[in-house]
Each structure stands twice: as structure tokens, then as C-alpha cells.
Amino acid sequence: MAPFVAGVKRNYIFGGICTIATNAFMKALADMKSINLFGVQQICRNSIAWEQALAAIPSIDSETVQQRLDRIRTYYELLNMPFEALLAFITEHENLFTATELVHKSSQGLGARKGDPG
């Protein structure tokens, strides 16, 4: 593709895909009725695949892609945390997620795994 599309244009085209994918991953949780451990693992694997595919495009800033998709993995991995650990994580990383994102997460059980007391 390099001979046909300039690097700036490739970055413009494919750099935007990462932002769209990140937003789609975040908003998808609000539409899910429920998600189990397998679903969380699948989403994490999908985000890794996205990261590898986008990192293979030379004109994209792979560090930015990695940061955005790491955030997605963290967001979904929080679903499997016990409630107390989740509260501690949110307290330590209070600026990592917006209030809206945390509300969407709370609709999925907010760290209340099956089998957890409470």
C-alpha cells in the first residue's frame, strides 16, 4: 500500500480506526445483557488481534494504539474482579474511566462475579 498512499494519508485513515474500535468496545458493554469470563477473555483476545493488526501498519503510532487497547482490556477485566478489589482499583485509578463508562460497567454487575458473597 505504501507506493499508492502517502504515509500521512495512511495515518489519517488507519489511525482513526483505532479510536472507532476503542469507542465501539466501550459502548458494546452497555448493549450486552450479560457477559461471562469466556466473553471477557474473547474480547481481550480480539483487542490483542486489533493491536497487532494496527501495529503492522508502519504509519500508525503503535504506542498510542497499545495504550488505547490496553485500556479496553483493563475495562473488561474489571468485570471479573470482586467488588472490594474493583473499588480499590477505581480509587487508585480514578481518572482512567469516565463516569459514563463506569455506569455502563455497573449495569453488568460491577465486579459482582457469580459465586461472590454479597
N, C-alpha and C. Protein backbone atom coordinates (compact mmCIF):
# COMPACT_ATOMS: atom_id res chain seq x y z
N MET A 1 0.82 -1.18 0.00
CA MET A 1 0.00 0.00 0.00
C MET A 1 0.87 1.26 0.00
N ALA A 2 2.08 1.17 0.53
CA ALA A 2 2.97 2.33 0.65
C ALA A 2 3.19 3.06 -0.67
N PRO A 3 3.36 2.34 -1.81
CA PRO A 3 3.59 3.09 -3.05
C PRO A 3 2.37 3.88 -3.53
N PHE A 4 1.20 3.52 -3.06
CA PHE A 4 -0.02 4.13 -3.59
C PHE A 4 -0.62 5.19 -2.68
N VAL A 5 -0.39 5.09 -1.37
CA VAL A 5 -1.00 6.02 -0.42
C VAL A 5 0.11 6.61 0.46
N ALA A 6 0.16 7.92 0.52
CA ALA A 6 1.19 8.59 1.32
C ALA A 6 1.03 8.26 2.80
N GLY A 7 2.14 8.31 3.54
CA GLY A 7 2.14 7.97 4.97
C GLY A 7 1.17 8.79 5.79
N VAL A 8 1.05 10.08 5.50
CA VAL A 8 0.13 10.95 6.24
C VAL A 8 -1.31 10.49 6.02
N LYS A 9 -1.63 10.13 4.79
CA LYS A 9 -2.99 9.67 4.49
C LYS A 9 -3.27 8.32 5.13
N ARG A 10 -2.27 7.43 5.15
CA ARG A 10 -2.44 6.12 5.81
C ARG A 10 -2.70 6.32 7.29
N ASN A 11 -1.95 7.23 7.91
CA ASN A 11 -2.14 7.50 9.32
C ASN A 11 -3.54 8.07 9.57
N TYR A 12 -3.99 8.96 8.69
CA TYR A 12 -5.32 9.54 8.82
C TYR A 12 -6.40 8.46 8.72
N ILE A 13 -6.27 7.58 7.75
CA ILE A 13 -7.26 6.52 7.52
C ILE A 13 -7.24 5.49 8.64
N PHE A 14 -6.07 4.92 8.90
CA PHE A 14 -5.99 3.81 9.84
C PHE A 14 -5.86 4.26 11.29
N GLY A 15 -5.37 5.45 11.53
CA GLY A 15 -5.29 5.97 12.89
C GLY A 15 -6.68 6.18 13.48
N GLY A 16 -7.62 6.56 12.65
CA GLY A 16 -8.99 6.75 13.10
C GLY A 16 -9.69 5.44 13.44
N ILE A 17 -9.25 4.37 12.81
CA ILE A 17 -9.86 3.06 13.08
C ILE A 17 -9.67 2.66 14.54
N CYS A 18 -8.51 2.97 15.09
CA CYS A 18 -8.24 2.62 16.48
C CYS A 18 -9.21 3.34 17.42
N THR A 19 -9.43 4.60 17.18
CA THR A 19 -10.37 5.36 18.02
C THR A 19 -11.78 4.82 17.89
N ILE A 20 -12.19 4.51 16.68
CA ILE A 20 -13.54 3.95 16.46
C ILE A 20 -13.68 2.60 17.14
N ALA A 21 -12.66 1.75 17.00
CA ALA A 21 -12.70 0.42 17.63
C ALA A 21 -12.75 0.55 19.15
N THR A 22 -11.97 1.45 19.71
CA THR A 22 -11.96 1.65 21.15
C THR A 22 -13.33 2.08 21.64
N ASN A 23 -13.93 3.05 20.96
CA ASN A 23 -15.27 3.51 21.35
C ASN A 23 -16.30 2.40 21.20
N ALA A 24 -16.18 1.61 20.15
CA ALA A 24 -17.13 0.51 19.94
C ALA A 24 -17.02 -0.54 21.04
N PHE A 25 -15.80 -0.89 21.44
CA PHE A 25 -15.61 -1.85 22.53
C PHE A 25 -16.24 -1.32 23.82
N MET A 26 -16.04 -0.03 24.11
CA MET A 26 -16.56 0.55 25.35
C MET A 26 -18.10 0.60 25.33
N LYS A 27 -18.66 1.02 24.22
CA LYS A 27 -20.11 1.17 24.13
C LYS A 27 -20.82 -0.17 24.01
N ALA A 28 -20.12 -1.19 23.53
CA ALA A 28 -20.73 -2.51 23.37
C ALA A 28 -21.17 -3.09 24.71
N LEU A 29 -20.44 -2.79 25.75
CA LEU A 29 -20.79 -3.34 27.07
C LEU A 29 -22.16 -2.86 27.52
N ALA A 30 -22.52 -1.63 27.17
CA ALA A 30 -23.84 -1.10 27.56
C ALA A 30 -24.98 -1.88 26.90
N ASP A 31 -24.72 -2.44 25.73
CA ASP A 31 -25.76 -3.17 24.99
C ASP A 31 -25.84 -4.65 25.36
N MET A 32 -24.86 -5.13 26.11
CA MET A 32 -24.85 -6.55 26.46
C MET A 32 -25.75 -6.81 27.66
N LYS A 33 -26.53 -7.87 27.56
CA LYS A 33 -27.40 -8.25 28.68
C LYS A 33 -26.57 -8.87 29.80
N SER A 34 -25.59 -9.69 29.43
CA SER A 34 -24.67 -10.29 30.40
C SER A 34 -23.42 -10.74 29.67
N ILE A 35 -22.36 -10.93 30.45
CA ILE A 35 -21.11 -11.41 29.88
C ILE A 35 -20.44 -12.27 30.95
N ASN A 36 -19.86 -13.37 30.51
CA ASN A 36 -19.19 -14.27 31.46
C ASN A 36 -17.68 -14.19 31.26
N LEU A 37 -16.95 -14.99 32.01
CA LEU A 37 -15.49 -14.99 31.94
C LEU A 37 -15.01 -15.28 30.53
N PHE A 38 -15.65 -16.24 29.85
CA PHE A 38 -15.25 -16.57 28.49
C PHE A 38 -15.42 -15.36 27.56
N GLY A 39 -16.52 -14.64 27.73
CA GLY A 39 -16.77 -13.46 26.90
C GLY A 39 -15.72 -12.38 27.12
N VAL A 40 -15.34 -12.18 28.38
CA VAL A 40 -14.31 -11.20 28.70
C VAL A 40 -12.98 -11.61 28.05
N GLN A 41 -12.65 -12.89 28.17
CA GLN A 41 -11.40 -13.38 27.56
C GLN A 41 -11.42 -13.21 26.04
N GLN A 42 -12.56 -13.46 25.42
CA GLN A 42 -12.68 -13.32 23.97
C GLN A 42 -12.49 -11.86 23.55
N ILE A 43 -13.07 -10.95 24.28
CA ILE A 43 -12.91 -9.53 23.96
C ILE A 43 -11.45 -9.11 24.13
N CYS A 44 -10.80 -9.60 25.17
CA CYS A 44 -9.38 -9.29 25.37
C CYS A 44 -8.54 -9.84 24.22
N ARG A 45 -8.84 -11.06 23.77
CA ARG A 45 -8.11 -11.62 22.63
C ARG A 45 -8.36 -10.80 21.36
N ASN A 46 -9.61 -10.38 21.17
CA ASN A 46 -9.94 -9.56 20.00
C ASN A 46 -9.19 -8.23 20.02
N SER A 47 -9.08 -7.64 21.19
CA SER A 47 -8.36 -6.36 21.27
C SER A 47 -6.87 -6.56 20.99
N ILE A 48 -6.32 -7.70 21.40
CA ILE A 48 -4.91 -8.00 21.09
C ILE A 48 -4.74 -8.17 19.58
N ALA A 49 -5.69 -8.84 18.94
CA ALA A 49 -5.63 -9.02 17.48
C ALA A 49 -5.71 -7.67 16.77
N TRP A 50 -6.58 -6.78 17.23
CA TRP A 50 -6.67 -5.44 16.66
C TRP A 50 -5.34 -4.71 16.82
N GLU A 51 -4.76 -4.82 18.02
CA GLU A 51 -3.50 -4.14 18.29
C GLU A 51 -2.40 -4.63 17.34
N GLN A 52 -2.31 -5.94 17.15
CA GLN A 52 -1.29 -6.49 16.26
C GLN A 52 -1.51 -6.07 14.82
N ALA A 53 -2.76 -6.07 14.39
CA ALA A 53 -3.06 -5.69 13.00
C ALA A 53 -2.73 -4.22 12.76
N LEU A 54 -3.11 -3.37 13.70
CA LEU A 54 -2.84 -1.94 13.51
C LEU A 54 -1.36 -1.61 13.66
N ALA A 55 -0.66 -2.34 14.53
CA ALA A 55 0.77 -2.10 14.72
C ALA A 55 1.57 -2.50 13.48
N ALA A 56 1.01 -3.36 12.65
CA ALA A 56 1.70 -3.79 11.43
C ALA A 56 1.68 -2.72 10.35
N ILE A 57 0.87 -1.70 10.53
CA ILE A 57 0.81 -0.60 9.57
C ILE A 57 1.86 0.43 10.00
N PRO A 58 2.88 0.63 9.18
CA PRO A 58 4.02 1.44 9.60
C PRO A 58 3.72 2.89 9.93
N SER A 59 2.70 3.48 9.35
CA SER A 59 2.46 4.91 9.56
C SER A 59 1.62 5.20 10.80
N ILE A 60 1.21 4.17 11.53
CA ILE A 60 0.40 4.37 12.73
C ILE A 60 1.29 4.35 13.95
N ASP A 61 0.99 5.23 14.89
CA ASP A 61 1.73 5.30 16.15
C ASP A 61 1.32 4.09 17.00
N SER A 62 2.17 3.07 17.03
CA SER A 62 1.82 1.83 17.71
C SER A 62 1.71 2.01 19.22
N GLU A 63 2.41 2.98 19.78
CA GLU A 63 2.31 3.23 21.23
C GLU A 63 0.92 3.73 21.60
N THR A 64 0.37 4.61 20.80
CA THR A 64 -0.98 5.11 21.04
C THR A 64 -2.00 3.99 20.91
N VAL A 65 -1.84 3.17 19.89
CA VAL A 65 -2.74 2.02 19.70
C VAL A 65 -2.68 1.11 20.92
N GLN A 66 -1.48 0.82 21.39
CA GLN A 66 -1.31 -0.06 22.54
C GLN A 66 -1.98 0.52 23.78
N GLN A 67 -1.81 1.81 24.03
CA GLN A 67 -2.41 2.45 25.20
C GLN A 67 -3.93 2.37 25.15
N ARG A 68 -4.50 2.65 23.99
CA ARG A 68 -5.96 2.64 23.87
C ARG A 68 -6.54 1.24 24.05
N LEU A 69 -5.88 0.26 23.46
CA LEU A 69 -6.41 -1.11 23.55
C LEU A 69 -6.09 -1.75 24.91
N ASP A 70 -5.02 -1.33 25.56
CA ASP A 70 -4.78 -1.77 26.95
C ASP A 70 -5.90 -1.28 27.86
N ARG A 71 -6.36 -0.09 27.59
CA ARG A 71 -7.47 0.48 28.37
C ARG A 71 -8.74 -0.38 28.21
N ILE A 72 -8.98 -0.84 27.01
CA ILE A 72 -10.14 -1.71 26.76
C ILE A 72 -10.00 -3.01 27.54
N ARG A 73 -8.83 -3.63 27.47
CA ARG A 73 -8.62 -4.88 28.20
C ARG A 73 -8.81 -4.69 29.69
N THR A 74 -8.29 -3.61 30.23
CA THR A 74 -8.46 -3.32 31.65
C THR A 74 -9.94 -3.15 31.98
N TYR A 75 -10.66 -2.43 31.15
CA TYR A 75 -12.09 -2.17 31.36
C TYR A 75 -12.88 -3.48 31.45
N TYR A 76 -12.62 -4.38 30.54
CA TYR A 76 -13.35 -5.65 30.55
C TYR A 76 -12.86 -6.59 31.65
N GLU A 77 -11.57 -6.55 31.97
CA GLU A 77 -11.07 -7.41 33.05
C GLU A 77 -11.64 -7.00 34.40
N LEU A 78 -12.05 -5.75 34.55
CA LEU A 78 -12.66 -5.31 35.79
C LEU A 78 -13.97 -6.05 36.07
N LEU A 79 -14.60 -6.57 35.03
CA LEU A 79 -15.86 -7.30 35.21
C LEU A 79 -15.68 -8.55 36.06
N ASN A 80 -14.48 -9.09 36.08
CA ASN A 80 -14.23 -10.33 36.82
C ASN A 80 -13.62 -10.09 38.19
N MET A 81 -13.48 -8.85 38.57
CA MET A 81 -12.90 -8.55 39.88
C MET A 81 -13.97 -8.61 40.97
N PRO A 82 -13.60 -9.06 42.16
CA PRO A 82 -14.52 -8.95 43.29
C PRO A 82 -14.80 -7.47 43.58
N PHE A 83 -15.92 -7.20 44.18
CA PHE A 83 -16.38 -5.82 44.39
C PHE A 83 -15.34 -4.98 45.14
N GLU A 84 -14.77 -5.52 46.22
CA GLU A 84 -13.82 -4.75 47.02
C GLU A 84 -12.56 -4.41 46.21
N ALA A 85 -12.08 -5.37 45.44
CA ALA A 85 -10.90 -5.12 44.61
C ALA A 85 -11.21 -4.09 43.53
N LEU A 86 -12.42 -4.14 43.01
CA LEU A 86 -12.84 -3.18 41.99
C LEU A 86 -12.87 -1.78 42.57
N LEU A 87 -13.44 -1.62 43.76
CA LEU A 87 -13.48 -0.31 44.39
C LEU A 87 -12.07 0.23 44.64
N ALA A 88 -11.17 -0.63 45.08
CA ALA A 88 -9.79 -0.22 45.32
C ALA A 88 -9.14 0.22 44.02
N PHE A 89 -9.37 -0.52 42.94
CA PHE A 89 -8.79 -0.18 41.64
C PHE A 89 -9.31 1.18 41.16
N ILE A 90 -10.63 1.38 41.26
CA ILE A 90 -11.22 2.64 40.81
C ILE A 90 -10.69 3.81 41.63
N THR A 91 -10.52 3.61 42.92
CA THR A 91 -9.99 4.65 43.78
C THR A 91 -8.56 5.02 43.40
N GLU A 92 -7.75 4.01 43.10
CA GLU A 92 -6.36 4.26 42.72
C GLU A 92 -6.23 4.85 41.33
N HIS A 93 -7.16 4.53 40.43
CA HIS A 93 -7.09 4.98 39.04
C HIS A 93 -8.35 5.77 38.68
N GLU A 94 -8.68 6.76 39.48
CA GLU A 94 -9.96 7.45 39.33
C GLU A 94 -10.14 8.17 38.00
N ASN A 95 -9.06 8.53 37.33
CA ASN A 95 -9.18 9.24 36.05
C ASN A 95 -9.07 8.33 34.84
N LEU A 96 -8.98 7.02 35.05
CA LEU A 96 -8.81 6.10 33.93
C LEU A 96 -10.08 5.95 33.10
N PHE A 97 -11.24 5.93 33.77
CA PHE A 97 -12.52 5.77 33.08
C PHE A 97 -13.46 6.91 33.46
N THR A 98 -14.33 7.27 32.52
CA THR A 98 -15.31 8.32 32.79
C THR A 98 -16.45 7.76 33.62
N ALA A 99 -17.24 8.66 34.17
CA ALA A 99 -18.40 8.25 34.96
C ALA A 99 -19.37 7.45 34.10
N THR A 100 -19.56 7.85 32.84
CA THR A 100 -20.46 7.14 31.93
C THR A 100 -19.99 5.71 31.70
N GLU A 101 -18.69 5.54 31.51
CA GLU A 101 -18.15 4.20 31.30
C GLU A 101 -18.35 3.32 32.53
N LEU A 102 -18.19 3.90 33.70
CA LEU A 102 -18.40 3.13 34.92
C LEU A 102 -19.86 2.78 35.13
N VAL A 103 -20.77 3.68 34.71
CA VAL A 103 -22.20 3.38 34.80
C VAL A 103 -22.54 2.22 33.88
N HIS A 104 -21.99 2.21 32.67
CA HIS A 104 -22.23 1.09 31.74
C HIS A 104 -21.70 -0.20 32.34
N LYS A 105 -20.56 -0.12 32.99
CA LYS A 105 -19.98 -1.29 33.61
C LYS A 105 -20.85 -1.77 34.76
N SER A 106 -21.40 -0.83 35.51
CA SER A 106 -22.22 -1.21 36.66
C SER A 106 -23.49 -1.94 36.23
N SER A 107 -23.95 -1.68 35.01
CA SER A 107 -25.13 -2.39 34.53
C SER A 107 -24.83 -3.86 34.28
N GLN A 108 -23.53 -4.22 34.22
CA GLN A 108 -23.13 -5.61 34.02
C GLN A 108 -22.77 -6.30 35.32
N GLY A 109 -23.01 -5.68 36.44
CA GLY A 109 -22.77 -6.34 37.71
C GLY A 109 -21.66 -5.73 38.53
N LEU A 110 -20.92 -4.78 37.98
CA LEU A 110 -19.88 -4.04 38.69
C LEU A 110 -19.06 -4.91 39.62
N GLY A 111 -18.38 -5.87 39.04
CA GLY A 111 -17.46 -6.67 39.82
C GLY A 111 -18.10 -7.76 40.64
N ALA A 112 -19.38 -7.95 40.52
CA ALA A 112 -20.06 -8.98 41.29
C ALA A 112 -20.06 -10.28 40.49
N ARG A 113 -19.01 -11.03 40.63
CA ARG A 113 -18.90 -12.29 39.92
C ARG A 113 -19.84 -13.31 40.55
N LYS A 114 -20.29 -14.25 39.73
CA LYS A 114 -21.11 -15.33 40.27
C LYS A 114 -20.26 -16.11 41.27
N GLY A 115 -20.86 -16.39 42.40
CA GLY A 115 -20.15 -17.13 43.43
C GLY A 115 -19.55 -16.21 44.48
N ASP A 116 -19.52 -14.89 44.21
CA ASP A 116 -19.03 -13.96 45.20
C ASP A 116 -20.10 -13.73 46.25
N PRO A 117 -19.74 -13.69 47.50
CA PRO A 117 -20.73 -13.39 48.53
C PRO A 117 -21.20 -11.95 48.41
N GLY A 118 -22.43 -11.71 48.74
CA GLY A 118 -22.92 -10.34 48.76
C GLY A 118 -23.86 -10.12 47.71
